[in-house]
Amino acid sequence: MASTTPPEDGRVAASRMFRELTFSATAAHRNGELGAATVGQSLARWQILDTLSDQRLTMPQIARQVRQSRQSIKRVVDLLEAEGLIERFDNHGHRRSPLFTITGEGDRMLGLLAASVSDWYAFVLERMPAEEIRALTDQLAHLRTIADEYHQLAASD
């Protein structure tokens, strides 16, 4: 992959951005885990439930959506299925790769999970206007697209 070196001030800005992004994600993750734990769940379980809330997906598709390996999510998917929060269906397009979707109980759990972080969300909204949150969300989505594009280029080299 061809590389161009950004000017020093650009590298410093990018380094600071990724440092803040990493620490911010860790702090937000910690608060999400605290909320999820109050209803007997984890952030990993929440992420998979949310991913399946509006679509049926195979295990590889779930893994791609949450940007994890199939092996890392298999255990979580198995636990969610055993608890009746998700269910599997035959996949007529691929016999060995069943489809998974959320159940009514899983949907109820998503509501409990959302409620479990309502104080955290309110705390953020007291300190950050909704417009600023929307702008940050758009920038993060843009950064994720760039990161995915870079990953594809780097993986093809």
C-alpha atoms as a PDB file:
ATOM      1  CA  MET A   1       0.000   0.000   0.000  1.00  0.00           C
ATOM      2  CA  ALA A   2       1.367   3.390  -0.945  1.00  0.00           C
ATOM      3  CA  SER A   3       1.947   5.678   1.989  1.00  0.00           C
ATOM      4  CA  THR A   4       2.255   9.413   2.246  1.00  0.00           C
ATOM      5  CA  THR A   5       3.642  10.942   5.391  1.00  0.00           C
ATOM      6  CA  PRO A   6       1.472  13.727   6.783  1.00  0.00           C
ATOM      7  CA  PRO A   7       3.134  16.897   8.037  1.00  0.00           C
ATOM      8  CA  GLU A   8       4.321  16.771  11.646  1.00  0.00           C
ATOM      9  CA  ASP A   9       1.376  18.817  12.946  1.00  0.00           C
ATOM     10  CA  GLY A  10      -1.023  16.386  11.226  1.00  0.00           C
ATOM     11  CA  ARG A  11       0.680  13.369  12.819  1.00  0.00           C
ATOM     12  CA  VAL A  12       0.535  15.018  16.235  1.00  0.00           C
ATOM     13  CA  ALA A  13      -3.169  15.836  15.779  1.00  0.00           C
ATOM     14  CA  ALA A  14      -3.934  12.286  14.607  1.00  0.00           C
ATOM     15  CA  SER A  15      -1.991  10.795  17.502  1.00  0.00           C
ATOM     16  CA  ARG A  16      -3.870  12.966  20.002  1.00  0.00           C
ATOM     17  CA  MET A  17      -7.203  12.104  18.358  1.00  0.00           C
ATOM     18  CA  PHE A  18      -6.568   8.351  18.565  1.00  0.00           C
ATOM     19  CA  ARG A  19      -5.370   8.671  22.170  1.00  0.00           C
ATOM     20  CA  GLU A  20      -8.522  10.565  23.180  1.00  0.00           C
ATOM     21  CA  LEU A  21     -10.704   8.190  21.165  1.00  0.00           C
ATOM     22  CA  THR A  22      -9.185   5.176  22.906  1.00  0.00           C
ATOM     23  CA  PHE A  23      -9.556   6.652  26.392  1.00  0.00           C
ATOM     24  CA  SER A  24     -13.071   7.951  25.665  1.00  0.00           C
ATOM     25  CA  ALA A  25     -14.174   4.572  24.316  1.00  0.00           C
ATOM     26  CA  THR A  26     -12.751   2.868  27.403  1.00  0.00           C
ATOM     27  CA  ALA A  27     -14.594   5.252  29.739  1.00  0.00           C
ATOM     28  CA  ALA A  28     -17.879   4.910  27.817  1.00  0.00           C
ATOM     29  CA  HIS A  29     -17.427   1.133  27.693  1.00  0.00           C
ATOM     30  CA  ARG A  30     -16.945   1.055  31.466  1.00  0.00           C
ATOM     31  CA  ASN A  31     -20.196   2.983  32.021  1.00  0.00           C
ATOM     32  CA  GLY A  32     -22.050   0.718  29.583  1.00  0.00           C
ATOM     33  CA  GLU A  33     -20.730  -2.367  31.399  1.00  0.00           C
ATOM     34  CA  LEU A  34     -21.883  -0.942  34.737  1.00  0.00           C
ATOM     35  CA  GLY A  35     -25.381  -0.381  33.380  1.00  0.00           C
ATOM     36  CA  ALA A  36     -25.561  -3.756  31.654  1.00  0.00           C
ATOM     37  CA  ALA A  37     -24.441  -5.532  34.826  1.00  0.00           C
ATOM     38  CA  THR A  38     -27.476  -4.144  36.683  1.00  0.00           C
ATOM     39  CA  VAL A  39     -29.689  -6.312  34.467  1.00  0.00           C
ATOM     40  CA  GLY A  40     -27.369  -9.319  34.422  1.00  0.00           C
ATOM     41  CA  GLN A  41     -25.858  -8.638  31.020  1.00  0.00           C
ATOM     42  CA  SER A  42     -22.599  -7.419  29.503  1.00  0.00           C
ATOM     43  CA  LEU A  43     -21.776  -4.898  26.833  1.00  0.00           C
ATOM     44  CA  ALA A  44     -20.786  -7.745  24.477  1.00  0.00           C
ATOM     45  CA  ARG A  45     -24.224  -9.330  24.898  1.00  0.00           C
ATOM     46  CA  TRP A  46     -25.899  -5.946  24.467  1.00  0.00           C
ATOM     47  CA  GLN A  47     -24.019  -5.300  21.250  1.00  0.00           C
ATOM     48  CA  ILE A  48     -25.148  -8.600  19.732  1.00  0.00           C
ATOM     49  CA  LEU A  49     -28.755  -8.141  20.868  1.00  0.00           C
ATOM     50  CA  ASP A  50     -28.781  -4.677  19.340  1.00  0.00           C
ATOM     51  CA  THR A  51     -27.241  -5.976  16.107  1.00  0.00           C
ATOM     52  CA  LEU A  52     -30.002  -8.589  15.810  1.00  0.00           C
ATOM     53  CA  SER A  53     -32.829  -6.257  16.830  1.00  0.00           C
ATOM     54  CA  ASP A  54     -33.891  -5.463  13.282  1.00  0.00           C
ATOM     55  CA  GLN A  55     -32.405  -8.183  11.107  1.00  0.00           C
ATOM     56  CA  ARG A  56     -31.657 -11.884  10.835  1.00  0.00           C
ATOM     57  CA  LEU A  57     -27.941 -12.555  10.475  1.00  0.00           C
ATOM     58  CA  THR A  58     -25.575 -15.492  10.297  1.00  0.00           C
ATOM     59  CA  MET A  59     -22.717 -15.848  12.774  1.00  0.00           C
ATOM     60  CA  PRO A  60     -20.164 -14.496  10.245  1.00  0.00           C
ATOM     61  CA  GLN A  61     -22.442 -11.532   9.508  1.00  0.00           C
ATOM     62  CA  ILE A  62     -22.820 -10.770  13.226  1.00  0.00           C
ATOM     63  CA  ALA A  63     -19.041 -10.949  13.613  1.00  0.00           C
ATOM     64  CA  ARG A  64     -18.527  -8.503  10.744  1.00  0.00           C
ATOM     65  CA  GLN A  65     -21.142  -6.101  12.115  1.00  0.00           C
ATOM     66  CA  VAL A  66     -19.566  -5.984  15.577  1.00  0.00           C
ATOM     67  CA  ARG A  67     -16.052  -6.168  14.110  1.00  0.00           C
ATOM     68  CA  GLN A  68     -15.048  -9.243  16.092  1.00  0.00           C
ATOM     69  CA  SER A  69     -13.934 -12.709  15.109  1.00  0.00           C
ATOM     70  CA  ARG A  70     -16.537 -15.461  14.784  1.00  0.00           C
ATOM     71  CA  GLN A  71     -14.782 -17.360  17.565  1.00  0.00           C
ATOM     72  CA  SER A  72     -15.042 -14.419  19.964  1.00  0.00           C
ATOM     73  CA  ILE A  73     -18.781 -13.968  19.461  1.00  0.00           C
ATOM     74  CA  LYS A  74     -19.754 -17.641  19.250  1.00  0.00           C
ATOM     75  CA  ARG A  75     -19.726 -18.085  23.031  1.00  0.00           C
ATOM     76  CA  VAL A  76     -21.860 -14.968  23.531  1.00  0.00           C
ATOM     77  CA  VAL A  77     -24.324 -16.022  20.819  1.00  0.00           C
ATOM     78  CA  ASP A  78     -24.594 -19.480  22.398  1.00  0.00           C
ATOM     79  CA  LEU A  79     -25.303 -17.952  25.825  1.00  0.00           C
ATOM     80  CA  LEU A  80     -27.912 -15.543  24.450  1.00  0.00           C
ATOM     81  CA  GLU A  81     -29.607 -18.411  22.639  1.00  0.00           C
ATOM     82  CA  ALA A  82     -29.571 -20.606  25.779  1.00  0.00           C
ATOM     83  CA  GLU A  83     -31.208 -17.741  27.707  1.00  0.00           C
ATOM     84  CA  GLY A  84     -33.935 -17.387  25.072  1.00  0.00           C
ATOM     85  CA  LEU A  85     -32.870 -13.861  24.096  1.00  0.00           C
ATOM     86  CA  ILE A  86     -32.086 -14.836  20.514  1.00  0.00           C
ATOM     87  CA  GLU A  87     -33.138 -17.766  18.355  1.00  0.00           C
ATOM     88  CA  ARG A  88     -31.739 -19.566  15.352  1.00  0.00           C
ATOM     89  CA  PHE A  89     -33.488 -20.353  12.092  1.00  0.00           C
ATOM     90  CA  ASP A  90     -32.600 -22.514   9.143  1.00  0.00           C
ATOM     91  CA  ASN A  91     -30.833 -20.562   6.449  1.00  0.00           C
ATOM     92  CA  HIS A  92     -32.078 -21.830   3.118  1.00  0.00           C
ATOM     93  CA  GLY A  93     -29.244 -19.964   1.406  1.00  0.00           C
ATOM     94  CA  HIS A  94     -26.527 -21.719   3.407  1.00  0.00           C
ATOM     95  CA  ARG A  95     -27.374 -24.960   5.172  1.00  0.00           C
ATOM     96  CA  ARG A  96     -24.432 -24.880   7.605  1.00  0.00           C
ATOM     97  CA  SER A  97     -24.790 -21.223   8.625  1.00  0.00           C
ATOM     98  CA  PRO A  98     -28.063 -20.637  10.500  1.00  0.00           C
ATOM     99  CA  LEU A  99     -29.679 -17.240  10.855  1.00  0.00           C
ATOM    100  CA  PHE A 100     -30.133 -15.618  14.271  1.00  0.00           C
ATOM    101  CA  THR A 101     -32.655 -13.038  15.384  1.00  0.00           C
ATOM    102  CA  ILE A 102     -33.787 -11.459  18.632  1.00  0.00           C
ATOM    103  CA  THR A 103     -36.781 -12.899  20.495  1.00  0.00           C
ATOM    104  CA  GLY A 104     -39.514 -10.995  22.301  1.00  0.00           C
ATOM    105  CA  GLU A 105     -37.629 -11.630  25.548  1.00  0.00           C
ATOM    106  CA  GLY A 106     -34.460 -10.315  23.913  1.00  0.00           C
ATOM    107  CA  ASP A 107     -36.305  -7.191  22.812  1.00  0.00           C
ATOM    108  CA  ARG A 108     -37.551  -6.714  26.381  1.00  0.00           C
ATOM    109  CA  MET A 109     -33.948  -7.067  27.568  1.00  0.00           C
ATOM    110  CA  LEU A 110     -32.845  -4.371  25.114  1.00  0.00           C
ATOM    111  CA  GLY A 111     -35.367  -2.051  26.761  1.00  0.00           C
ATOM    112  CA  LEU A 112     -33.951  -2.879  30.191  1.00  0.00           C
ATOM    113  CA  LEU A 113     -30.431  -2.320  28.916  1.00  0.00           C
ATOM    114  CA  ALA A 114     -31.378   1.082  27.492  1.00  0.00           C
ATOM    115  CA  ALA A 115     -32.992   2.024  30.802  1.00  0.00           C
ATOM    116  CA  SER A 116     -29.875   0.860  32.661  1.00  0.00           C
ATOM    117  CA  VAL A 117     -27.816   3.663  31.116  1.00  0.00           C
ATOM    118  CA  SER A 118     -30.439   6.415  31.141  1.00  0.00           C
ATOM    119  CA  ASP A 119     -28.683   8.226  34.002  1.00  0.00           C
ATOM    120  CA  TRP A 120     -25.372   8.032  32.119  1.00  0.00           C
ATOM    121  CA  TYR A 121     -27.010   9.451  28.981  1.00  0.00           C
ATOM    122  CA  ALA A 122     -28.682  12.239  30.980  1.00  0.00           C
ATOM    123  CA  PHE A 123     -25.333  13.067  32.599  1.00  0.00           C
ATOM    124  CA  VAL A 124     -23.704  13.371  29.157  1.00  0.00           C
ATOM    125  CA  LEU A 125     -26.588  15.502  27.835  1.00  0.00           C
ATOM    126  CA  GLU A 126     -26.227  17.913  30.777  1.00  0.00           C
ATOM    127  CA  ARG A 127     -22.640  18.543  29.727  1.00  0.00           C
ATOM    128  CA  MET A 128     -22.829  18.221  25.960  1.00  0.00           C
ATOM    129  CA  PRO A 129     -25.587  19.727  23.782  1.00  0.00           C
ATOM    130  CA  ALA A 130     -27.485  17.353  21.506  1.00  0.00           C
ATOM    131  CA  GLU A 131     -26.185  19.197  18.417  1.00  0.00           C
ATOM    132  CA  GLU A 132     -22.603  18.588  19.545  1.00  0.00           C
ATOM    133  CA  ILE A 133     -23.423  14.913  20.113  1.00  0.00           C
ATOM    134  CA  ARG A 134     -24.917  14.625  16.613  1.00  0.00           C
ATOM    135  CA  ALA A 135     -21.827  16.261  15.067  1.00  0.00           C
ATOM    136  CA  LEU A 136     -19.497  13.978  17.028  1.00  0.00           C
ATOM    137  CA  THR A 137     -21.534  10.924  16.005  1.00  0.00           C
ATOM    138  CA  ASP A 138     -21.250  11.926  12.339  1.00  0.00           C
ATOM    139  CA  GLN A 139     -17.487  12.419  12.696  1.00  0.00           C
ATOM    140  CA  LEU A 140     -17.073   9.047  14.408  1.00  0.00           C
ATOM    141  CA  ALA A 141     -19.075   7.319  11.664  1.00  0.00           C
ATOM    142  CA  HIS A 142     -16.827   9.011   9.093  1.00  0.00           C
ATOM    143  CA  LEU A 143     -13.714   7.884  10.976  1.00  0.00           C
ATOM    144  CA  ARG A 144     -15.050   4.304  11.112  1.00  0.00           C
ATOM    145  CA  THR A 145     -15.570   4.359   7.339  1.00  0.00           C
ATOM    146  CA  ILE A 146     -11.995   5.589   6.843  1.00  0.00           C
ATOM    147  CA  ALA A 147     -10.652   2.940   9.247  1.00  0.00           C
ATOM    148  CA  ASP A 148     -12.562   0.195   7.409  1.00  0.00           C
ATOM    149  CA  GLU A 149     -11.271   1.471   4.066  1.00  0.00           C
ATOM    150  CA  TYR A 150      -7.690   1.485   5.375  1.00  0.00           C
ATOM    151  CA  HIS A 151      -8.128  -2.032   6.753  1.00  0.00           C
ATOM    152  CA  GLN A 152      -9.277  -3.269   3.346  1.00  0.00           C
ATOM    153  CA  LEU A 153      -6.287  -1.649   1.634  1.00  0.00           C
ATOM    154  CA  ALA A 154      -3.798  -2.905   4.220  1.00  0.00           C
ATOM    155  CA  ALA A 155      -5.229  -6.425   4.118  1.00  0.00           C
ATOM    156  CA  SER A 156      -4.904  -6.554   0.327  1.00  0.00           C
ATOM    157  CA  ASP A 157      -1.145  -5.795   0.401  1.00  0.00           C
END
